[in-house]
Amino acid sequence: MRITITQEDIENGQRYSGWNCPIAHAFRREWSSQRVFVGAAICLDNDLSIQLPRSILSWRARYDRGEAVQSTEMVFSAEMIYRRVL
């Protein structure tokens, strides 16, 4: 699975926000999901979690520090996606 973080996602994102960061915007757009929270993993609709690749964690840290970042693509394998048991 591939998700692209666009320049628009970056411009509309909020630093230090798990709900409104560029990664959350990208997932809302690509998955048509409104309940997206980004921490060390992406949580979708309270039951699905996706582990973030290290490269994206690093990208997000640079974004949060206010450094310039470029649009990028996230690639996820099936092993990175899991259902949470509540």
C-alpha atoms as a PDB file:
ATOM      1  CA  MET A   1       0.000   0.000   0.000  1.00  0.00           C
ATOM      2  CA  ARG A   2       1.255   3.480  -0.880  1.00  0.00           C
ATOM      3  CA  ILE A   3       0.075   6.811   0.496  1.00  0.00           C
ATOM      4  CA  THR A   4       1.427  10.124  -0.795  1.00  0.00           C
ATOM      5  CA  ILE A   5       1.877  13.129   1.474  1.00  0.00           C
ATOM      6  CA  THR A   6       1.313  16.054  -0.886  1.00  0.00           C
ATOM      7  CA  GLN A   7       2.485  19.648  -0.672  1.00  0.00           C
ATOM      8  CA  GLU A   8      -1.111  20.577   0.126  1.00  0.00           C
ATOM      9  CA  ASP A   9      -1.092  18.143   3.085  1.00  0.00           C
ATOM     10  CA  ILE A  10       2.111  19.798   4.320  1.00  0.00           C
ATOM     11  CA  GLU A  11       0.710  23.320   3.939  1.00  0.00           C
ATOM     12  CA  ASN A  12      -2.562  22.411   5.698  1.00  0.00           C
ATOM     13  CA  GLY A  13      -0.913  20.386   8.464  1.00  0.00           C
ATOM     14  CA  GLN A  14      -0.288  21.522  12.015  1.00  0.00           C
ATOM     15  CA  ARG A  15       3.003  20.902  13.760  1.00  0.00           C
ATOM     16  CA  TYR A  16       2.876  18.657  16.863  1.00  0.00           C
ATOM     17  CA  SER A  17      -0.712  17.590  16.112  1.00  0.00           C
ATOM     18  CA  GLY A  18      -1.573  13.906  15.856  1.00  0.00           C
ATOM     19  CA  TRP A  19      -4.999  14.815  14.495  1.00  0.00           C
ATOM     20  CA  ASN A  20      -3.979  17.446  11.933  1.00  0.00           C
ATOM     21  CA  CYS A  21      -0.442  16.648  10.824  1.00  0.00           C
ATOM     22  CA  PRO A  22       0.262  16.142   7.099  1.00  0.00           C
ATOM     23  CA  ILE A  23       0.234  12.351   7.570  1.00  0.00           C
ATOM     24  CA  ALA A  24      -3.286  12.472   9.044  1.00  0.00           C
ATOM     25  CA  HIS A  25      -4.438  14.689   6.146  1.00  0.00           C
ATOM     26  CA  ALA A  26      -2.988  12.231   3.626  1.00  0.00           C
ATOM     27  CA  PHE A  27      -4.765   9.257   5.220  1.00  0.00           C
ATOM     28  CA  ARG A  28      -8.073  11.103   5.412  1.00  0.00           C
ATOM     29  CA  ARG A  29      -7.828  11.911   1.722  1.00  0.00           C
ATOM     30  CA  GLU A  30      -6.676   8.464   0.567  1.00  0.00           C
ATOM     31  CA  TRP A  31      -8.871   6.319   2.853  1.00  0.00           C
ATOM     32  CA  SER A  32     -11.914   8.608   3.210  1.00  0.00           C
ATOM     33  CA  SER A  33     -11.595   8.149   6.972  1.00  0.00           C
ATOM     34  CA  GLN A  34     -12.345  11.012   9.350  1.00  0.00           C
ATOM     35  CA  ARG A  35     -10.971   9.420  12.528  1.00  0.00           C
ATOM     36  CA  VAL A  36      -7.229   9.431  11.985  1.00  0.00           C
ATOM     37  CA  PHE A  37      -4.659   9.935  14.746  1.00  0.00           C
ATOM     38  CA  VAL A  38      -0.913   9.782  14.160  1.00  0.00           C
ATOM     39  CA  GLY A  39       1.520   8.878  16.929  1.00  0.00           C
ATOM     40  CA  ALA A  40       4.170   6.157  16.611  1.00  0.00           C
ATOM     41  CA  ALA A  41       1.469   4.398  14.592  1.00  0.00           C
ATOM     42  CA  ILE A  42      -1.520   5.617  12.622  1.00  0.00           C
ATOM     43  CA  CYS A  43      -4.857   4.792  14.249  1.00  0.00           C
ATOM     44  CA  LEU A  44      -7.865   4.676  11.947  1.00  0.00           C
ATOM     45  CA  ASP A  45     -11.494   4.522  13.081  1.00  0.00           C
ATOM     46  CA  ASN A  46     -10.543   3.175  16.537  1.00  0.00           C
ATOM     47  CA  ASP A  47      -9.771  -0.359  15.368  1.00  0.00           C
ATOM     48  CA  LEU A  48      -7.056  -0.345  12.711  1.00  0.00           C
ATOM     49  CA  SER A  49      -3.439   0.616  13.350  1.00  0.00           C
ATOM     50  CA  ILE A  50      -0.580   0.999  10.907  1.00  0.00           C
ATOM     51  CA  GLN A  51       3.008   1.060  12.077  1.00  0.00           C
ATOM     52  CA  LEU A  52       4.889   4.040  10.666  1.00  0.00           C
ATOM     53  CA  PRO A  53       8.154   3.359   8.829  1.00  0.00           C
ATOM     54  CA  ARG A  54      11.231   4.885  10.496  1.00  0.00           C
ATOM     55  CA  SER A  55      11.775   7.138   7.502  1.00  0.00           C
ATOM     56  CA  ILE A  56       8.323   8.675   8.025  1.00  0.00           C
ATOM     57  CA  LEU A  57       8.887   9.082  11.772  1.00  0.00           C
ATOM     58  CA  SER A  58      12.055  10.999  10.909  1.00  0.00           C
ATOM     59  CA  TRP A  59      10.208  13.041   8.265  1.00  0.00           C
ATOM     60  CA  ARG A  60       7.524  13.958  10.813  1.00  0.00           C
ATOM     61  CA  ALA A  61      10.134  14.978  13.416  1.00  0.00           C
ATOM     62  CA  ARG A  62      11.704  17.350  10.881  1.00  0.00           C
ATOM     63  CA  TYR A  63       8.269  18.764  10.038  1.00  0.00           C
ATOM     64  CA  ASP A  64       7.434  19.263  13.731  1.00  0.00           C
ATOM     65  CA  ARG A  65      10.723  21.113  14.268  1.00  0.00           C
ATOM     66  CA  GLY A  66       9.769  23.506  11.473  1.00  0.00           C
ATOM     67  CA  GLU A  67      12.360  22.241   9.005  1.00  0.00           C
ATOM     68  CA  ALA A  68      11.547  22.245   5.296  1.00  0.00           C
ATOM     69  CA  VAL A  69      10.140  18.917   4.103  1.00  0.00           C
ATOM     70  CA  GLN A  70       9.127  17.719   0.662  1.00  0.00           C
ATOM     71  CA  SER A  71       6.101  15.702  -0.379  1.00  0.00           C
ATOM     72  CA  THR A  72       6.857  12.029   0.070  1.00  0.00           C
ATOM     73  CA  GLU A  73       5.381   8.585  -0.324  1.00  0.00           C
ATOM     74  CA  MET A  74       4.758   6.121   2.488  1.00  0.00           C
ATOM     75  CA  VAL A  75       4.921   2.435   1.665  1.00  0.00           C
ATOM     76  CA  PHE A  76       3.316  -0.098   4.011  1.00  0.00           C
ATOM     77  CA  SER A  77       3.523  -3.878   3.951  1.00  0.00           C
ATOM     78  CA  ALA A  78       0.770  -6.142   5.271  1.00  0.00           C
ATOM     79  CA  GLU A  79       2.859  -6.873   8.391  1.00  0.00           C
ATOM     80  CA  MET A  80       2.625  -3.197   9.364  1.00  0.00           C
ATOM     81  CA  ILE A  81      -1.202  -3.172   9.463  1.00  0.00           C
ATOM     82  CA  TYR A  82      -3.088  -4.723  12.368  1.00  0.00           C
ATOM     83  CA  ARG A  83      -6.459  -4.613  14.090  1.00  0.00           C
ATOM     84  CA  ARG A  84      -6.531  -3.448  17.652  1.00  0.00           C
ATOM     85  CA  VAL A  85      -8.648  -5.316  20.164  1.00  0.00           C
ATOM     86  CA  LEU A  86     -10.510  -2.898  22.404  1.00  0.00           C
END
